[in-house]
Amino acid sequence: MDSSNRMGDLEITDPQTMRALAHPVRLAILERLGRDGPATATELAPDVGATPSVTSWHLRHLATFGLVRDSAPGPDRRSRRWEAVARGFRFDAPQDPADGEGHSAARELSRQMLLRTAGLPARWAAEVEPGLDPEWRAAAGLAHTRLTVSAGELAAIEDAIEQVLAPYVTRDAADRPEGSRGVALLRYALPEGESGEGPAS
């Protein structure tokens, strides 16, 4: 496996695939399949904010671009079950500055992903954190750190973070310690503009 993709993510380079994924329901489908495993459109529908028929349409659209596939049948063999083709996905804007289509598609997918996670910390603080055991509450948290680095140094920092995370992301369920639970680890690397302007904090 390429050391730049230690997580085994699906690497998306095609602008059409980026645009296909840049939709709230489709992102929700991939998130749910990645978190909970194979499911039918009917099972997915309540979690992704769409009817079963609309969810089924989005699943078929994702399959067209190789993002989901048929899974082994469940107890009801009449229902089509779907699974994500990979644990996660990643994408980059094209290196070629003249590739307007690629840059536009990557920007839109980034925007949709940021919109999807924008409210997550506040929902977690209101709905989940109050009910956590003290051990989990102490382990949770957030950091807002500002660095002054080169583009190469930022890439090295991201690579080092993935080196630490990869063994936990890729290990088999049987190897997880007792008491393990899912954790949403949000990472934003937001370089400031040349004049130092960044998002309001």
N, C-alpha and C. Protein backbone atom coordinates (compact mmCIF):
# COMPACT_ATOMS: atom_id res chain seq x y z
N MET A 1 0.84 -1.20 0.00
CA MET A 1 0.00 0.00 0.00
C MET A 1 0.87 1.24 0.00
N ASP A 2 0.49 2.22 -0.75
CA ASP A 2 1.20 3.48 -0.81
C ASP A 2 1.25 4.11 0.58
N SER A 3 2.46 4.54 1.01
CA SER A 3 2.58 5.11 2.35
C SER A 3 1.78 6.38 2.52
N SER A 4 1.37 7.01 1.41
CA SER A 4 0.56 8.21 1.52
C SER A 4 -0.92 7.86 1.72
N ASN A 5 -1.25 6.57 1.70
CA ASN A 5 -2.63 6.13 1.90
C ASN A 5 -2.63 4.93 2.84
N ARG A 6 -2.14 5.15 4.04
CA ARG A 6 -2.01 4.07 5.02
C ARG A 6 -3.36 3.53 5.49
N MET A 7 -4.41 4.33 5.31
CA MET A 7 -5.73 3.92 5.79
C MET A 7 -6.42 2.95 4.82
N GLY A 8 -5.86 2.82 3.62
CA GLY A 8 -6.52 1.98 2.62
C GLY A 8 -7.76 2.63 2.04
N ASP A 9 -7.80 3.96 2.01
CA ASP A 9 -8.96 4.67 1.48
C ASP A 9 -9.06 4.52 -0.04
N LEU A 10 -10.27 4.65 -0.54
CA LEU A 10 -10.47 4.75 -1.98
C LEU A 10 -9.96 6.11 -2.43
N GLU A 11 -9.08 6.15 -3.41
CA GLU A 11 -8.53 7.41 -3.88
C GLU A 11 -9.33 7.89 -5.09
N ILE A 12 -9.94 9.05 -4.96
CA ILE A 12 -10.78 9.61 -6.01
C ILE A 12 -10.02 10.70 -6.74
N THR A 13 -9.84 10.53 -8.04
CA THR A 13 -9.13 11.52 -8.85
C THR A 13 -10.00 12.07 -9.97
N ASP A 14 -11.08 11.37 -10.29
CA ASP A 14 -11.94 11.75 -11.41
C ASP A 14 -12.93 12.84 -10.99
N PRO A 15 -12.96 13.98 -11.67
CA PRO A 15 -13.89 15.05 -11.29
C PRO A 15 -15.36 14.62 -11.29
N GLN A 16 -15.75 13.75 -12.21
CA GLN A 16 -17.14 13.31 -12.25
C GLN A 16 -17.50 12.52 -11.00
N THR A 17 -16.56 11.71 -10.52
CA THR A 17 -16.80 10.95 -9.30
C THR A 17 -16.90 11.88 -8.10
N MET A 18 -16.04 12.89 -8.06
CA MET A 18 -16.13 13.88 -6.97
C MET A 18 -17.49 14.55 -6.98
N ARG A 19 -17.96 14.94 -8.16
CA ARG A 19 -19.27 15.60 -8.24
C ARG A 19 -20.40 14.66 -7.85
N ALA A 20 -20.26 13.39 -8.22
CA ALA A 20 -21.29 12.41 -7.85
C ALA A 20 -21.39 12.26 -6.34
N LEU A 21 -20.27 12.36 -5.66
CA LEU A 21 -20.25 12.18 -4.21
C LEU A 21 -20.63 13.46 -3.47
N ALA A 22 -20.51 14.60 -4.13
CA ALA A 22 -20.76 15.90 -3.47
C ALA A 22 -22.24 16.16 -3.31
N HIS A 23 -22.90 15.33 -2.53
CA HIS A 23 -24.34 15.44 -2.29
C HIS A 23 -24.59 14.98 -0.86
N PRO A 24 -25.41 15.71 -0.09
CA PRO A 24 -25.59 15.36 1.32
C PRO A 24 -26.06 13.93 1.55
N VAL A 25 -27.01 13.44 0.74
CA VAL A 25 -27.52 12.09 0.95
C VAL A 25 -26.46 11.06 0.62
N ARG A 26 -25.70 11.29 -0.44
CA ARG A 26 -24.68 10.30 -0.83
C ARG A 26 -23.55 10.25 0.19
N LEU A 27 -23.15 11.42 0.70
CA LEU A 27 -22.14 11.42 1.76
C LEU A 27 -22.66 10.71 3.00
N ALA A 28 -23.93 10.92 3.32
CA ALA A 28 -24.52 10.26 4.49
C ALA A 28 -24.57 8.74 4.28
N ILE A 29 -24.88 8.31 3.06
CA ILE A 29 -24.91 6.87 2.77
C ILE A 29 -23.53 6.25 3.00
N LEU A 30 -22.50 6.87 2.42
CA LEU A 30 -21.16 6.31 2.58
C LEU A 30 -20.73 6.30 4.04
N GLU A 31 -21.07 7.35 4.78
CA GLU A 31 -20.72 7.40 6.20
C GLU A 31 -21.39 6.28 6.97
N ARG A 32 -22.68 6.08 6.71
CA ARG A 32 -23.43 5.04 7.42
C ARG A 32 -22.92 3.65 7.06
N LEU A 33 -22.66 3.39 5.77
CA LEU A 33 -22.15 2.08 5.38
C LEU A 33 -20.77 1.83 5.97
N GLY A 34 -19.93 2.88 5.99
CA GLY A 34 -18.60 2.73 6.57
C GLY A 34 -18.63 2.48 8.06
N ARG A 35 -19.59 3.08 8.73
CA ARG A 35 -19.67 2.94 10.19
C ARG A 35 -20.32 1.63 10.62
N ASP A 36 -21.44 1.26 9.96
CA ASP A 36 -22.24 0.14 10.43
C ASP A 36 -22.25 -1.08 9.52
N GLY A 37 -21.60 -0.98 8.36
CA GLY A 37 -21.54 -2.13 7.47
C GLY A 37 -22.73 -2.20 6.52
N PRO A 38 -22.85 -3.32 5.79
CA PRO A 38 -23.84 -3.45 4.73
C PRO A 38 -25.27 -3.19 5.21
N ALA A 39 -26.08 -2.64 4.30
CA ALA A 39 -27.46 -2.32 4.63
C ALA A 39 -28.28 -2.22 3.35
N THR A 40 -29.58 -2.31 3.50
CA THR A 40 -30.50 -2.10 2.38
C THR A 40 -30.87 -0.63 2.32
N ALA A 41 -31.48 -0.23 1.21
CA ALA A 41 -31.94 1.15 1.07
C ALA A 41 -32.96 1.48 2.16
N THR A 42 -33.81 0.54 2.49
CA THR A 42 -34.82 0.76 3.53
C THR A 42 -34.16 0.98 4.89
N GLU A 43 -33.12 0.22 5.18
CA GLU A 43 -32.42 0.38 6.46
C GLU A 43 -31.66 1.70 6.52
N LEU A 44 -31.14 2.14 5.38
CA LEU A 44 -30.37 3.37 5.34
C LEU A 44 -31.24 4.62 5.40
N ALA A 45 -32.44 4.53 4.84
CA ALA A 45 -33.28 5.71 4.63
C ALA A 45 -33.45 6.60 5.87
N PRO A 46 -33.77 6.06 7.05
CA PRO A 46 -33.98 6.95 8.20
C PRO A 46 -32.73 7.74 8.60
N ASP A 47 -31.56 7.18 8.35
CA ASP A 47 -30.30 7.83 8.75
C ASP A 47 -29.80 8.84 7.72
N VAL A 48 -30.27 8.75 6.49
CA VAL A 48 -29.71 9.62 5.45
C VAL A 48 -30.69 10.71 5.00
N GLY A 49 -31.87 10.73 5.59
CA GLY A 49 -32.81 11.80 5.29
C GLY A 49 -33.49 11.70 3.95
N ALA A 50 -33.79 10.47 3.52
CA ALA A 50 -34.46 10.28 2.23
C ALA A 50 -35.37 9.07 2.33
N THR A 51 -36.32 8.98 1.41
CA THR A 51 -37.20 7.81 1.38
C THR A 51 -36.40 6.60 0.87
N PRO A 52 -36.90 5.39 1.11
CA PRO A 52 -36.19 4.21 0.59
C PRO A 52 -35.99 4.25 -0.93
N SER A 53 -36.99 4.74 -1.66
CA SER A 53 -36.84 4.75 -3.13
C SER A 53 -35.79 5.77 -3.56
N VAL A 54 -35.75 6.93 -2.92
CA VAL A 54 -34.73 7.93 -3.24
C VAL A 54 -33.36 7.43 -2.81
N THR A 55 -33.29 6.79 -1.65
CA THR A 55 -32.02 6.23 -1.18
C THR A 55 -31.52 5.18 -2.16
N SER A 56 -32.42 4.34 -2.67
CA SER A 56 -32.04 3.32 -3.65
C SER A 56 -31.48 3.97 -4.91
N TRP A 57 -32.10 5.07 -5.35
CA TRP A 57 -31.59 5.77 -6.54
C TRP A 57 -30.18 6.28 -6.29
N HIS A 58 -29.93 6.88 -5.13
CA HIS A 58 -28.60 7.39 -4.81
C HIS A 58 -27.58 6.24 -4.72
N LEU A 59 -27.99 5.11 -4.17
CA LEU A 59 -27.08 3.96 -4.09
C LEU A 59 -26.67 3.50 -5.49
N ARG A 60 -27.63 3.42 -6.39
CA ARG A 60 -27.30 3.00 -7.76
C ARG A 60 -26.37 4.02 -8.42
N HIS A 61 -26.59 5.30 -8.13
CA HIS A 61 -25.72 6.34 -8.69
C HIS A 61 -24.30 6.20 -8.14
N LEU A 62 -24.17 5.96 -6.84
CA LEU A 62 -22.85 5.74 -6.24
C LEU A 62 -22.18 4.50 -6.84
N ALA A 63 -22.97 3.46 -7.10
CA ALA A 63 -22.41 2.23 -7.67
C ALA A 63 -21.87 2.48 -9.08
N THR A 64 -22.52 3.37 -9.83
CA THR A 64 -22.05 3.70 -11.17
C THR A 64 -20.62 4.22 -11.16
N PHE A 65 -20.26 4.91 -10.08
CA PHE A 65 -18.92 5.49 -9.96
C PHE A 65 -17.99 4.64 -9.09
N GLY A 66 -18.41 3.41 -8.78
CA GLY A 66 -17.54 2.49 -8.05
C GLY A 66 -17.35 2.82 -6.58
N LEU A 67 -18.31 3.52 -5.98
CA LEU A 67 -18.19 3.91 -4.57
C LEU A 67 -18.89 2.93 -3.63
N VAL A 68 -19.92 2.24 -4.11
CA VAL A 68 -20.58 1.18 -3.35
C VAL A 68 -20.77 -0.01 -4.28
N ARG A 69 -21.08 -1.16 -3.69
CA ARG A 69 -21.30 -2.37 -4.47
C ARG A 69 -22.28 -3.28 -3.72
N ASP A 70 -22.74 -4.30 -4.43
CA ASP A 70 -23.63 -5.28 -3.80
C ASP A 70 -22.86 -6.03 -2.71
N SER A 71 -23.56 -6.29 -1.61
CA SER A 71 -23.00 -7.06 -0.52
C SER A 71 -23.65 -8.44 -0.50
N ALA A 72 -23.13 -9.33 0.32
CA ALA A 72 -23.74 -10.64 0.46
C ALA A 72 -25.17 -10.47 0.97
N PRO A 73 -26.10 -11.28 0.50
CA PRO A 73 -27.50 -11.14 0.93
C PRO A 73 -27.64 -11.32 2.43
N GLY A 74 -28.61 -10.64 3.00
CA GLY A 74 -28.92 -10.81 4.41
C GLY A 74 -29.98 -11.88 4.58
N PRO A 75 -30.64 -11.90 5.75
CA PRO A 75 -31.68 -12.91 5.99
C PRO A 75 -32.80 -12.87 4.97
N ASP A 76 -33.18 -11.66 4.52
CA ASP A 76 -34.20 -11.53 3.50
C ASP A 76 -33.49 -11.38 2.15
N ARG A 77 -33.41 -12.47 1.41
CA ARG A 77 -32.66 -12.47 0.16
C ARG A 77 -33.34 -11.66 -0.93
N ARG A 78 -34.56 -11.21 -0.69
CA ARG A 78 -35.25 -10.40 -1.69
C ARG A 78 -34.78 -8.95 -1.64
N SER A 79 -34.16 -8.55 -0.54
CA SER A 79 -33.72 -7.16 -0.39
C SER A 79 -32.27 -7.02 -0.79
N ARG A 80 -31.99 -6.05 -1.62
CA ARG A 80 -30.63 -5.80 -2.10
C ARG A 80 -29.83 -5.10 -1.01
N ARG A 81 -28.69 -5.68 -0.67
CA ARG A 81 -27.83 -5.09 0.35
C ARG A 81 -26.61 -4.47 -0.30
N TRP A 82 -26.18 -3.36 0.26
CA TRP A 82 -25.08 -2.60 -0.30
C TRP A 82 -23.96 -2.46 0.73
N GLU A 83 -22.75 -2.28 0.22
CA GLU A 83 -21.61 -2.00 1.09
C GLU A 83 -20.70 -0.98 0.41
N ALA A 84 -19.95 -0.25 1.23
CA ALA A 84 -18.96 0.68 0.69
C ALA A 84 -17.79 -0.13 0.14
N VAL A 85 -17.17 0.33 -0.93
CA VAL A 85 -16.06 -0.43 -1.52
C VAL A 85 -14.78 -0.28 -0.71
N ALA A 86 -14.72 0.72 0.16
CA ALA A 86 -13.52 0.93 0.99
C ALA A 86 -13.95 1.52 2.32
N ARG A 87 -13.05 1.44 3.27
CA ARG A 87 -13.33 1.95 4.61
C ARG A 87 -13.58 3.46 4.60
N GLY A 88 -12.87 4.16 3.73
CA GLY A 88 -13.00 5.61 3.61
C GLY A 88 -12.60 6.04 2.22
N PHE A 89 -12.56 7.34 2.00
CA PHE A 89 -12.13 7.84 0.70
C PHE A 89 -11.31 9.09 0.90
N ARG A 90 -10.52 9.41 -0.10
CA ARG A 90 -9.74 10.64 -0.09
C ARG A 90 -9.64 11.18 -1.51
N PHE A 91 -9.38 12.46 -1.60
CA PHE A 91 -9.26 13.10 -2.90
C PHE A 91 -8.37 14.32 -2.75
N ASP A 92 -7.83 14.77 -3.85
CA ASP A 92 -7.01 15.97 -3.87
C ASP A 92 -7.40 16.82 -5.07
N ALA A 93 -7.24 18.12 -4.92
CA ALA A 93 -7.38 18.98 -6.09
C ALA A 93 -6.26 18.67 -7.07
N PRO A 94 -6.49 18.79 -8.37
CA PRO A 94 -5.45 18.49 -9.35
C PRO A 94 -4.21 19.37 -9.15
N GLN A 95 -3.06 18.82 -9.52
CA GLN A 95 -1.81 19.60 -9.46
C GLN A 95 -1.77 20.67 -10.55
N ASP A 96 -2.45 20.39 -11.65
CA ASP A 96 -2.44 21.32 -12.78
C ASP A 96 -3.38 22.48 -12.52
N PRO A 97 -2.86 23.71 -12.38
CA PRO A 97 -3.74 24.85 -12.10
C PRO A 97 -4.71 25.14 -13.24
N ALA A 98 -4.43 24.62 -14.43
CA ALA A 98 -5.32 24.87 -15.57
C ALA A 98 -6.51 23.91 -15.61
N ASP A 99 -6.52 22.93 -14.71
CA ASP A 99 -7.61 21.95 -14.69
C ASP A 99 -8.78 22.53 -13.90
N GLY A 100 -9.51 23.41 -14.55
CA GLY A 100 -10.62 24.08 -13.89
C GLY A 100 -11.71 23.13 -13.43
N GLU A 101 -12.03 22.13 -14.25
CA GLU A 101 -13.08 21.18 -13.89
C GLU A 101 -12.70 20.40 -12.63
N GLY A 102 -11.44 19.94 -12.59
CA GLY A 102 -10.99 19.19 -11.43
C GLY A 102 -10.99 20.02 -10.17
N HIS A 103 -10.52 21.27 -10.26
CA HIS A 103 -10.50 22.15 -9.09
C HIS A 103 -11.91 22.46 -8.61
N SER A 104 -12.81 22.70 -9.55
CA SER A 104 -14.20 23.00 -9.18
C SER A 104 -14.86 21.81 -8.49
N ALA A 105 -14.63 20.60 -9.02
CA ALA A 105 -15.23 19.40 -8.44
C ALA A 105 -14.67 19.13 -7.04
N ALA A 106 -13.37 19.27 -6.88
CA ALA A 106 -12.75 19.05 -5.56
C ALA A 106 -13.25 20.09 -4.56
N ARG A 107 -13.40 21.33 -5.00
CA ARG A 107 -13.88 22.39 -4.10
C ARG A 107 -15.31 22.10 -3.65
N GLU A 108 -16.16 21.63 -4.58
CA GLU A 108 -17.55 21.36 -4.21
C GLU A 108 -17.65 20.17 -3.26
N LEU A 109 -16.86 19.13 -3.48
CA LEU A 109 -16.87 18.00 -2.56
C LEU A 109 -16.37 18.43 -1.19
N SER A 110 -15.32 19.22 -1.14
CA SER A 110 -14.83 19.75 0.14
C SER A 110 -15.91 20.55 0.84
N ARG A 111 -16.60 21.40 0.08
CA ARG A 111 -17.64 22.23 0.67
C ARG A 111 -18.75 21.39 1.28
N GLN A 112 -19.19 20.38 0.55
CA GLN A 112 -20.26 19.52 1.07
C GLN A 112 -19.81 18.76 2.31
N MET A 113 -18.57 18.31 2.33
CA MET A 113 -18.06 17.60 3.50
C MET A 113 -17.98 18.53 4.72
N LEU A 114 -17.52 19.77 4.49
CA LEU A 114 -17.45 20.73 5.60
C LEU A 114 -18.85 21.07 6.12
N LEU A 115 -19.81 21.24 5.21
CA LEU A 115 -21.18 21.50 5.64
C LEU A 115 -21.74 20.34 6.45
N ARG A 116 -21.39 19.14 6.03
CA ARG A 116 -21.92 17.95 6.72
C ARG A 116 -21.42 17.86 8.16
N THR A 117 -20.18 18.25 8.40
CA THR A 117 -19.62 18.11 9.74
C THR A 117 -19.69 19.39 10.56
N ALA A 118 -20.16 20.49 9.96
CA ALA A 118 -20.12 21.79 10.65
C ALA A 118 -20.84 21.77 11.99
N GLY A 119 -21.99 21.12 12.05
CA GLY A 119 -22.77 21.12 13.29
C GLY A 119 -22.46 19.97 14.22
N LEU A 120 -21.60 19.05 13.80
CA LEU A 120 -21.35 17.85 14.60
C LEU A 120 -20.80 18.15 16.00
N PRO A 121 -19.79 19.03 16.15
CA PRO A 121 -19.28 19.28 17.51
C PRO A 121 -20.34 19.82 18.46
N ALA A 122 -21.17 20.73 17.98
CA ALA A 122 -22.22 21.29 18.84
C ALA A 122 -23.25 20.23 19.22
N ARG A 123 -23.62 19.36 18.25
CA ARG A 123 -24.57 18.30 18.56
C ARG A 123 -23.97 17.33 19.57
N TRP A 124 -22.69 17.02 19.39
CA TRP A 124 -22.02 16.11 20.33
C TRP A 124 -22.01 16.71 21.73
N ALA A 125 -21.69 17.99 21.84
CA ALA A 125 -21.62 18.64 23.15
C ALA A 125 -22.98 18.67 23.84
N ALA A 126 -24.04 18.82 23.03
CA ALA A 126 -25.38 18.90 23.61
C ALA A 126 -25.99 17.54 23.90
N GLU A 127 -25.73 16.55 23.03
CA GLU A 127 -26.47 15.30 23.09
C GLU A 127 -25.68 14.11 23.62
N VAL A 128 -24.37 14.11 23.41
CA VAL A 128 -23.57 12.92 23.74
C VAL A 128 -22.69 13.15 24.96
N GLU A 129 -21.95 14.23 24.97
CA GLU A 129 -20.97 14.48 26.03
C GLU A 129 -21.55 14.41 27.45
N PRO A 130 -22.76 14.95 27.70
CA PRO A 130 -23.29 14.89 29.06
C PRO A 130 -23.49 13.47 29.59
N GLY A 131 -23.69 12.51 28.69
CA GLY A 131 -23.92 11.13 29.13
C GLY A 131 -22.70 10.25 29.16
N LEU A 132 -21.52 10.79 28.81
CA LEU A 132 -20.30 9.98 28.79
C LEU A 132 -19.79 9.70 30.20
N ASP A 133 -19.17 8.53 30.35
CA ASP A 133 -18.46 8.22 31.59
C ASP A 133 -17.30 9.20 31.76
N PRO A 134 -16.88 9.46 32.99
CA PRO A 134 -15.76 10.39 33.21
C PRO A 134 -14.51 10.04 32.43
N GLU A 135 -14.22 8.74 32.26
CA GLU A 135 -13.02 8.32 31.52
C GLU A 135 -13.09 8.79 30.06
N TRP A 136 -14.26 8.61 29.44
CA TRP A 136 -14.43 9.02 28.05
C TRP A 136 -14.50 10.54 27.93
N ARG A 137 -15.10 11.18 28.91
CA ARG A 137 -15.19 12.64 28.87
C ARG A 137 -13.80 13.26 28.95
N ALA A 138 -12.92 12.64 29.77
CA ALA A 138 -11.55 13.16 29.91
C ALA A 138 -10.74 12.93 28.64
N ALA A 139 -11.01 11.81 27.94
CA ALA A 139 -10.25 11.50 26.73
C ALA A 139 -10.70 12.33 25.54
N ALA A 140 -11.95 12.81 25.57
CA ALA A 140 -12.48 13.60 24.47
C ALA A 140 -11.95 15.02 24.56
N GLY A 141 -12.20 15.79 23.54
CA GLY A 141 -11.80 17.18 23.60
C GLY A 141 -11.52 17.75 22.22
N LEU A 142 -11.08 18.98 22.21
CA LEU A 142 -10.75 19.62 20.95
C LEU A 142 -9.55 20.53 21.16
N ALA A 143 -8.89 20.82 20.07
CA ALA A 143 -7.74 21.73 20.11
C ALA A 143 -7.85 22.67 18.94
N HIS A 144 -7.44 23.89 19.14
CA HIS A 144 -7.40 24.88 18.06
C HIS A 144 -5.98 25.43 18.08
N THR A 145 -5.16 24.91 17.20
CA THR A 145 -3.73 25.23 17.20
C THR A 145 -3.37 25.95 15.92
N ARG A 146 -2.66 27.06 16.04
CA ARG A 146 -2.21 27.79 14.86
C ARG A 146 -0.72 27.57 14.68
N LEU A 147 -0.33 27.18 13.48
CA LEU A 147 1.07 26.92 13.16
C LEU A 147 1.54 27.89 12.09
N THR A 148 2.84 28.09 12.02
CA THR A 148 3.44 28.79 10.89
C THR A 148 4.43 27.83 10.26
N VAL A 149 4.05 27.26 9.12
CA VAL A 149 4.82 26.18 8.50
C VAL A 149 4.83 26.37 6.98
N SER A 150 5.71 25.65 6.33
CA SER A 150 5.70 25.60 4.86
C SER A 150 4.69 24.56 4.41
N ALA A 151 4.36 24.57 3.13
CA ALA A 151 3.44 23.56 2.59
C ALA A 151 4.00 22.16 2.78
N GLY A 152 5.32 22.01 2.59
CA GLY A 152 5.95 20.70 2.79
C GLY A 152 5.87 20.24 4.24
N GLU A 153 6.06 21.18 5.16
CA GLU A 153 5.97 20.82 6.58
C GLU A 153 4.54 20.42 6.97
N LEU A 154 3.54 21.13 6.42
CA LEU A 154 2.16 20.76 6.71
C LEU A 154 1.86 19.37 6.18
N ALA A 155 2.36 19.05 4.98
CA ALA A 155 2.16 17.71 4.43
C ALA A 155 2.82 16.66 5.33
N ALA A 156 4.00 16.98 5.87
CA ALA A 156 4.70 16.05 6.75
C ALA A 156 3.92 15.85 8.05
N ILE A 157 3.31 16.91 8.57
CA ILE A 157 2.50 16.80 9.78
C ILE A 157 1.31 15.89 9.54
N GLU A 158 0.62 16.09 8.41
CA GLU A 158 -0.52 15.25 8.08
C GLU A 158 -0.10 13.78 7.94
N ASP A 159 1.05 13.56 7.32
CA ASP A 159 1.56 12.20 7.14
C ASP A 159 1.85 11.56 8.50
N ALA A 160 2.46 12.33 9.41
CA ALA A 160 2.78 11.80 10.74
C ALA A 160 1.51 11.45 11.52
N ILE A 161 0.48 12.28 11.39
CA ILE A 161 -0.80 11.98 12.05
C ILE A 161 -1.37 10.68 11.52
N GLU A 162 -1.31 10.49 10.20
CA GLU A 162 -1.85 9.25 9.62
C GLU A 162 -1.04 8.03 10.05
N GLN A 163 0.26 8.19 10.22
CA GLN A 163 1.07 7.07 10.73
C GLN A 163 0.57 6.60 12.09
N VAL A 164 0.21 7.56 12.94
CA VAL A 164 -0.29 7.22 14.27
C VAL A 164 -1.67 6.57 14.18
N LEU A 165 -2.54 7.11 13.32
CA LEU A 165 -3.92 6.66 13.26
C LEU A 165 -4.10 5.32 12.54
N ALA A 166 -3.30 5.07 11.51
CA ALA A 166 -3.55 3.93 10.62
C ALA A 166 -3.72 2.59 11.34
N PRO A 167 -2.88 2.24 12.32
CA PRO A 167 -3.07 0.93 12.97
C PRO A 167 -4.43 0.78 13.66
N TYR A 168 -4.98 1.88 14.16
CA TYR A 168 -6.28 1.82 14.82
C TYR A 168 -7.41 1.76 13.80
N VAL A 169 -7.23 2.43 12.67
CA VAL A 169 -8.26 2.46 11.63
C VAL A 169 -8.37 1.12 10.93
N THR A 170 -7.24 0.47 10.68
CA THR A 170 -7.23 -0.72 9.82
C THR A 170 -7.28 -2.05 10.57
N ARG A 171 -7.17 -2.03 11.89
CA ARG A 171 -7.15 -3.32 12.60
C ARG A 171 -8.50 -4.01 12.55
N ASP A 172 -8.47 -5.33 12.65
CA ASP A 172 -9.69 -6.13 12.63
C ASP A 172 -10.50 -5.91 13.89
N ALA A 173 -11.82 -6.07 13.76
CA ALA A 173 -12.70 -5.88 14.90
C ALA A 173 -12.31 -6.79 16.07
N ALA A 174 -11.82 -8.00 15.76
CA ALA A 174 -11.45 -8.94 16.81
C ALA A 174 -10.26 -8.46 17.64
N ASP A 175 -9.47 -7.54 17.10
CA ASP A 175 -8.29 -7.05 17.80
C ASP A 175 -8.55 -5.81 18.64
N ARG A 176 -9.77 -5.31 18.61
CA ARG A 176 -10.07 -4.12 19.40
C ARG A 176 -10.22 -4.49 20.87
N PRO A 177 -9.68 -3.67 21.77
CA PRO A 177 -9.80 -3.99 23.20
C PRO A 177 -11.25 -3.94 23.67
N GLU A 178 -11.53 -4.64 24.74
CA GLU A 178 -12.86 -4.59 25.34
C GLU A 178 -13.17 -3.15 25.74
N GLY A 179 -14.39 -2.73 25.50
CA GLY A 179 -14.79 -1.38 25.85
C GLY A 179 -14.54 -0.36 24.76
N SER A 180 -14.04 -0.80 23.60
CA SER A 180 -13.81 0.13 22.49
C SER A 180 -15.13 0.68 21.98
N ARG A 181 -15.09 1.88 21.47
CA ARG A 181 -16.28 2.47 20.84
C ARG A 181 -15.83 3.40 19.71
N GLY A 182 -16.75 3.70 18.82
CA GLY A 182 -16.45 4.58 17.70
C GLY A 182 -16.13 5.99 18.17
N VAL A 183 -15.19 6.61 17.50
CA VAL A 183 -14.80 7.99 17.80
C VAL A 183 -14.72 8.75 16.48
N ALA A 184 -15.38 9.89 16.41
CA ALA A 184 -15.27 10.76 15.23
C ALA A 184 -14.11 11.71 15.48
N LEU A 185 -13.06 11.56 14.71
CA LEU A 185 -11.87 12.40 14.85
C LEU A 185 -11.85 13.36 13.67
N LEU A 186 -12.23 14.60 13.89
CA LEU A 186 -12.31 15.60 12.81
C LEU A 186 -10.97 16.32 12.71
N ARG A 187 -10.42 16.40 11.49
CA ARG A 187 -9.16 17.10 11.27
C ARG A 187 -9.36 18.13 10.18
N TYR A 188 -9.07 19.37 10.49
CA TYR A 188 -9.10 20.43 9.49
C TYR A 188 -7.71 21.04 9.43
N ALA A 189 -7.12 21.09 8.27
CA ALA A 189 -5.89 21.85 8.07
C ALA A 189 -6.26 22.99 7.13
N LEU A 190 -6.32 24.21 7.66
CA LEU A 190 -6.86 25.35 6.92
C LEU A 190 -5.78 26.42 6.75
N PRO A 191 -4.96 26.31 5.70
CA PRO A 191 -3.93 27.34 5.49
C PRO A 191 -4.56 28.73 5.34
N GLU A 192 -3.91 29.72 5.92
CA GLU A 192 -4.37 31.10 5.79
C GLU A 192 -3.98 31.65 4.44
N GLY A 193 -4.62 32.74 4.04
CA GLY A 193 -4.24 33.41 2.81
C GLY A 193 -2.86 34.05 2.95
N GLU A 194 -2.33 34.53 1.86
CA GLU A 194 -0.98 35.09 1.86
C GLU A 194 -0.82 36.25 2.83
N SER A 195 -1.88 37.00 3.05
CA SER A 195 -1.78 38.14 3.95
C SER A 195 -2.06 37.78 5.40
N GLY A 196 -2.25 36.46 5.64
CA GLY A 196 -2.47 35.99 6.99
C GLY A 196 -3.92 35.89 7.39
N GLU A 197 -4.84 36.20 6.46
CA GLU A 197 -6.26 36.14 6.85
C GLU A 197 -6.70 34.69 6.88
N GLY A 198 -7.48 34.36 7.86
CA GLY A 198 -8.03 33.02 7.99
C GLY A 198 -9.48 33.12 8.43
N PRO A 199 -10.16 31.98 8.63
CA PRO A 199 -11.53 32.02 9.09
C PRO A 199 -11.62 32.60 10.48
N ALA A 200 -12.71 33.28 10.77
CA ALA A 200 -12.89 33.85 12.10
C ALA A 200 -12.96 32.74 13.12
N SER A 201 -12.28 32.92 14.24
CA SER A 201 -12.29 31.87 15.27
C SER A 201 -12.96 32.35 16.53
